[in-house]
Amino acid sequence: MKQKILIIDDDIDLVEAMRLTLENAGFEVIDAQEGEKDWRRLCPNTRTL
């Protein structure tokens, strides 16, 4: 089973570069480009500090 990594950034090019690198290293990548909005959608029970 692959380990999962979440990438949240509004720079689409950076997210794509990180996705390709991490997938080639064997990780399953989940991405979100709209920062806090996506963070809250993906992790609704997490509080921000």
PDB file of N, CA and C in Angstrom:
ATOM      1  N   MET A   1       0.828  -1.178   0.000  1.00  0.00           N
ATOM      2  CA  MET A   1       0.000   0.000   0.000  1.00  0.00           C
ATOM      3  C   MET A   1       0.883   1.257   0.000  1.00  0.00           C
ATOM      4  N   LYS A   2       0.614   2.163  -0.920  1.00  0.00           N
ATOM      5  CA  LYS A   2       1.404   3.386  -1.026  1.00  0.00           C
ATOM      6  C   LYS A   2       1.066   4.356   0.096  1.00  0.00           C
ATOM      7  N   GLN A   3       2.086   5.086   0.535  1.00  0.00           N
ATOM      8  CA  GLN A   3       1.848   6.156   1.500  1.00  0.00           C
ATOM      9  C   GLN A   3       1.267   7.346   0.751  1.00  0.00           C
ATOM     10  N   LYS A   4       0.372   8.087   1.403  1.00  0.00           N
ATOM     11  CA  LYS A   4      -0.276   9.237   0.783  1.00  0.00           C
ATOM     12  C   LYS A   4       0.359  10.525   1.259  1.00  0.00           C
ATOM     13  N   ILE A   5       0.435  11.478   0.334  1.00  0.00           N
ATOM     14  CA  ILE A   5       0.944  12.814   0.648  1.00  0.00           C
ATOM     15  C   ILE A   5      -0.053  13.816   0.099  1.00  0.00           C
ATOM     16  N   LEU A   6      -0.376  14.826   0.911  1.00  0.00           N
ATOM     17  CA  LEU A   6      -1.268  15.903   0.511  1.00  0.00           C
ATOM     18  C   LEU A   6      -0.434  17.138   0.204  1.00  0.00           C
ATOM     19  N   ILE A   7      -0.642  17.707  -0.983  1.00  0.00           N
ATOM     20  CA  ILE A   7       0.031  18.950  -1.377  1.00  0.00           C
ATOM     21  C   ILE A   7      -1.044  20.020  -1.517  1.00  0.00           C
ATOM     22  N   ILE A   8      -0.872  21.129  -0.795  1.00  0.00           N
ATOM     23  CA  ILE A   8      -1.792  22.255  -0.926  1.00  0.00           C
ATOM     24  C   ILE A   8      -0.967  23.483  -1.277  1.00  0.00           C
ATOM     25  N   ASP A   9      -1.219  24.033  -2.448  1.00  0.00           N
ATOM     26  CA  ASP A   9      -0.539  25.254  -2.876  1.00  0.00           C
ATOM     27  C   ASP A   9      -1.323  25.848  -4.024  1.00  0.00           C
ATOM     28  N   ASP A  10      -1.299  27.175  -4.150  1.00  0.00           N
ATOM     29  CA  ASP A  10      -2.026  27.808  -5.242  1.00  0.00           C
ATOM     30  C   ASP A  10      -1.175  27.959  -6.502  1.00  0.00           C
ATOM     31  N   ASP A  11       0.093  27.541  -6.434  1.00  0.00           N
ATOM     32  CA  ASP A  11       0.975  27.566  -7.606  1.00  0.00           C
ATOM     33  C   ASP A  11       0.844  26.214  -8.318  1.00  0.00           C
ATOM     34  N   ILE A  12       0.040  26.187  -9.363  1.00  0.00           N
ATOM     35  CA  ILE A  12      -0.268  24.933 -10.063  1.00  0.00           C
ATOM     36  C   ILE A  12       0.980  24.267 -10.622  1.00  0.00           C
ATOM     37  N   ASP A  13       1.923  25.054 -11.129  1.00  0.00           N
ATOM     38  CA  ASP A  13       3.154  24.481 -11.678  1.00  0.00           C
ATOM     39  C   ASP A  13       3.976  23.795 -10.590  1.00  0.00           C
ATOM     40  N   LEU A  14       4.053  24.404  -9.425  1.00  0.00           N
ATOM     41  CA  LEU A  14       4.780  23.805  -8.312  1.00  0.00           C
ATOM     42  C   LEU A  14       4.111  22.512  -7.865  1.00  0.00           C
ATOM     43  N   VAL A  15       2.793  22.532  -7.757  1.00  0.00           N
ATOM     44  CA  VAL A  15       2.056  21.332  -7.357  1.00  0.00           C
ATOM     45  C   VAL A  15       2.310  20.202  -8.346  1.00  0.00           C
ATOM     46  N   GLU A  16       2.261  20.500  -9.625  1.00  0.00           N
ATOM     47  CA  GLU A  16       2.465  19.465 -10.638  1.00  0.00           C
ATOM     48  C   GLU A  16       3.886  18.904 -10.578  1.00  0.00           C
ATOM     49  N   ALA A  17       4.881  19.773 -10.390  1.00  0.00           N
ATOM     50  CA  ALA A  17       6.273  19.310 -10.288  1.00  0.00           C
ATOM     51  C   ALA A  17       6.447  18.412  -9.057  1.00  0.00           C
ATOM     52  N   MET A  18       5.871  18.825  -7.938  1.00  0.00           N
ATOM     53  CA  MET A  18       5.959  18.020  -6.719  1.00  0.00           C
ATOM     54  C   MET A  18       5.224  16.699  -6.901  1.00  0.00           C
ATOM     55  N   ARG A  19       4.058  16.747  -7.546  1.00  0.00           N
ATOM     56  CA  ARG A  19       3.279  15.525  -7.807  1.00  0.00           C
ATOM     57  C   ARG A  19       4.108  14.520  -8.595  1.00  0.00           C
ATOM     58  N   LEU A  20       4.703  14.959  -9.689  1.00  0.00           N
ATOM     59  CA  LEU A  20       5.484  14.056 -10.535  1.00  0.00           C
ATOM     60  C   LEU A  20       6.663  13.456  -9.773  1.00  0.00           C
ATOM     61  N   THR A  21       7.357  14.290  -9.012  1.00  0.00           N
ATOM     62  CA  THR A  21       8.510  13.819  -8.241  1.00  0.00           C
ATOM     63  C   THR A  21       8.102  12.779  -7.204  1.00  0.00           C
ATOM     64  N   LEU A  22       7.027  13.081  -6.478  1.00  0.00           N
ATOM     65  CA  LEU A  22       6.596  12.175  -5.413  1.00  0.00           C
ATOM     66  C   LEU A  22       5.989  10.892  -5.958  1.00  0.00           C
ATOM     67  N   GLU A  23       5.227  10.984  -7.042  1.00  0.00           N
ATOM     68  CA  GLU A  23       4.680   9.774  -7.645  1.00  0.00           C
ATOM     69  C   GLU A  23       5.791   8.877  -8.172  1.00  0.00           C
ATOM     70  N   ASN A  24       6.821   9.467  -8.750  1.00  0.00           N
ATOM     71  CA  ASN A  24       7.955   8.677  -9.233  1.00  0.00           C
ATOM     72  C   ASN A  24       8.716   8.020  -8.080  1.00  0.00           C
ATOM     73  N   ALA A  25       8.599   8.613  -6.884  1.00  0.00           N
ATOM     74  CA  ALA A  25       9.241   8.036  -5.702  1.00  0.00           C
ATOM     75  C   ALA A  25       8.343   7.001  -5.020  1.00  0.00           C
ATOM     76  N   GLY A  26       7.148   6.767  -5.577  1.00  0.00           N
ATOM     77  CA  GLY A  26       6.290   5.712  -5.061  1.00  0.00           C
ATOM     78  C   GLY A  26       5.154   6.142  -4.148  1.00  0.00           C
ATOM     79  N   PHE A  27       4.907   7.447  -4.028  1.00  0.00           N
ATOM     80  CA  PHE A  27       3.838   7.940  -3.171  1.00  0.00           C
ATOM     81  C   PHE A  27       2.545   8.137  -3.949  1.00  0.00           C
ATOM     82  N   GLU A  28       1.429   8.053  -3.239  1.00  0.00           N
ATOM     83  CA  GLU A  28       0.142   8.446  -3.795  1.00  0.00           C
ATOM     84  C   GLU A  28      -0.050   9.912  -3.411  1.00  0.00           C
ATOM     85  N   VAL A  29      -0.326  10.761  -4.384  1.00  0.00           N
ATOM     86  CA  VAL A  29      -0.405  12.200  -4.137  1.00  0.00           C
ATOM     87  C   VAL A  29      -1.834  12.696  -4.288  1.00  0.00           C
ATOM     88  N   ILE A  30      -2.270  13.465  -3.302  1.00  0.00           N
ATOM     89  CA  ILE A  30      -3.540  14.172  -3.363  1.00  0.00           C
ATOM     90  C   ILE A  30      -3.178  15.647  -3.389  1.00  0.00           C
ATOM     91  N   ASP A  31      -3.772  16.407  -4.315  1.00  0.00           N
ATOM     92  CA  ASP A  31      -3.422  17.819  -4.368  1.00  0.00           C
ATOM     93  C   ASP A  31      -4.647  18.704  -4.231  1.00  0.00           C
ATOM     94  N   ALA A  32      -4.384  19.933  -3.821  1.00  0.00           N
ATOM     95  CA  ALA A  32      -5.404  20.952  -3.676  1.00  0.00           C
ATOM     96  C   ALA A  32      -4.748  22.292  -3.985  1.00  0.00           C
ATOM     97  N   GLN A  33      -5.362  23.075  -4.836  1.00  0.00           N
ATOM     98  CA  GLN A  33      -4.758  24.344  -5.224  1.00  0.00           C
ATOM     99  C   GLN A  33      -5.392  25.574  -4.585  1.00  0.00           C
ATOM    100  N   GLU A  34      -6.426  25.417  -3.785  1.00  0.00           N
ATOM    101  CA  GLU A  34      -7.081  26.591  -3.226  1.00  0.00           C
ATOM    102  C   GLU A  34      -6.900  26.678  -1.717  1.00  0.00           C
ATOM    103  N   GLY A  35      -5.690  26.389  -1.270  1.00  0.00           N
ATOM    104  CA  GLY A  35      -5.276  26.591   0.101  1.00  0.00           C
ATOM    105  C   GLY A  35      -6.269  26.199   1.178  1.00  0.00           C
ATOM    106  N   GLU A  36      -6.661  27.187   1.976  1.00  0.00           N
ATOM    107  CA  GLU A  36      -7.488  26.919   3.147  1.00  0.00           C
ATOM    108  C   GLU A  36      -8.820  26.282   2.791  1.00  0.00           C
ATOM    109  N   LYS A  37      -9.428  26.692   1.675  1.00  0.00           N
ATOM    110  CA  LYS A  37     -10.709  26.107   1.258  1.00  0.00           C
ATOM    111  C   LYS A  37     -10.565  24.599   1.071  1.00  0.00           C
ATOM    112  N   ASP A  38      -9.549  24.162   0.350  1.00  0.00           N
ATOM    113  CA  ASP A  38      -9.338  22.728   0.124  1.00  0.00           C
ATOM    114  C   ASP A  38      -8.914  22.013   1.397  1.00  0.00           C
ATOM    115  N   TRP A  39      -8.106  22.669   2.224  1.00  0.00           N
ATOM    116  CA  TRP A  39      -7.695  22.060   3.486  1.00  0.00           C
ATOM    117  C   TRP A  39      -8.932  21.731   4.316  1.00  0.00           C
ATOM    118  N   ARG A  40      -9.860  22.665   4.412  1.00  0.00           N
ATOM    119  CA  ARG A  40     -11.074  22.441   5.205  1.00  0.00           C
ATOM    120  C   ARG A  40     -11.944  21.349   4.579  1.00  0.00           C
ATOM    121  N   ARG A  41     -11.954  21.257   3.242  1.00  0.00           N
ATOM    122  CA  ARG A  41     -12.726  20.223   2.564  1.00  0.00           C
ATOM    123  C   ARG A  41     -12.120  18.840   2.816  1.00  0.00           C
ATOM    124  N   LEU A  42     -10.791  18.747   2.768  1.00  0.00           N
ATOM    125  CA  LEU A  42     -10.112  17.473   2.927  1.00  0.00           C
ATOM    126  C   LEU A  42      -9.982  17.048   4.381  1.00  0.00           C
ATOM    127  N   CYS A  43      -9.896  18.002   5.286  1.00  0.00           N
ATOM    128  CA  CYS A  43      -9.687  17.710   6.703  1.00  0.00           C
ATOM    129  C   CYS A  43     -10.664  18.524   7.543  1.00  0.00           C
ATOM    130  N   PRO A  44     -11.949  18.232   7.460  1.00  0.00           N
ATOM    131  CA  PRO A  44     -12.956  19.077   8.110  1.00  0.00           C
ATOM    132  C   PRO A  44     -12.871  19.133   9.628  1.00  0.00           C
ATOM    133  N   ASN A  45     -12.266  18.166  10.272  1.00  0.00           N
ATOM    134  CA  ASN A  45     -12.197  18.149  11.729  1.00  0.00           C
ATOM    135  C   ASN A  45     -10.899  18.690  12.282  1.00  0.00           C
ATOM    136  N   THR A  46     -10.064  19.275  11.418  1.00  0.00           N
ATOM    137  CA  THR A  46      -8.769  19.811  11.843  1.00  0.00           C
ATOM    138  C   THR A  46      -8.909  21.296  12.107  1.00  0.00           C
ATOM    139  N   ARG A  47      -8.342  21.741  13.223  1.00  0.00           N
ATOM    140  CA  ARG A  47      -8.367  23.162  13.566  1.00  0.00           C
ATOM    141  C   ARG A  47      -7.079  23.816  13.105  1.00  0.00           C
ATOM    142  N   THR A  48      -7.178  25.077  12.695  1.00  0.00           N
ATOM    143  CA  THR A  48      -5.981  25.828  12.341  1.00  0.00           C
ATOM    144  C   THR A  48      -5.497  26.577  13.575  1.00  0.00           C
ATOM    145  N   LEU A  49      -4.200  26.761  13.687  1.00  0.00           N
ATOM    146  CA  LEU A  49      -3.632  27.460  14.849  1.00  0.00           C
ATOM    147  C   LEU A  49      -3.390  28.903  14.524  1.00  0.00           C
TER     148      LEU A  49
END
